């Protein structure tokens, strides 16, 4: 009887650990009380970029961007942009803590990015991550 009693206790312990145990898996959502730590840049995969010229003078430009994030972490998207002559470089990414485990699902990304400054008529190159579009304005 002692062996059966021991096996039952072990089985109950495993079941309780399985259902009520502490999990080290994180849902990947940001936490307000999380102290600052090391992060990595998760670059958004860009599928398409559509250049939209607004009816204004001087010209203003928006980029209609679609793509996806390679993981299911729910962290805010960061957009950095700069201009080098007639080349506009836009980086779309998220800063994710390195100690977070994210679910392996694709999250769609759709946004309209207002570009800084104004534009003169001419040939422009718009680089959004690794996606390149050439457009005459």
Foldseek 3Di string as FASTA:
>chain_A
DVVVVVVVVVVVVVVCCVVPNDDLADQQEDDPPDDDDAWDKQFWAWDDWDWDWDPDPQIWIKIWTKTKGQFRHDFDWDWDWDDDPQEIEITITGIGHPSHDTHGDIGIDTDIGTDPDGDDFDWHWYHYPNDIDIDTD
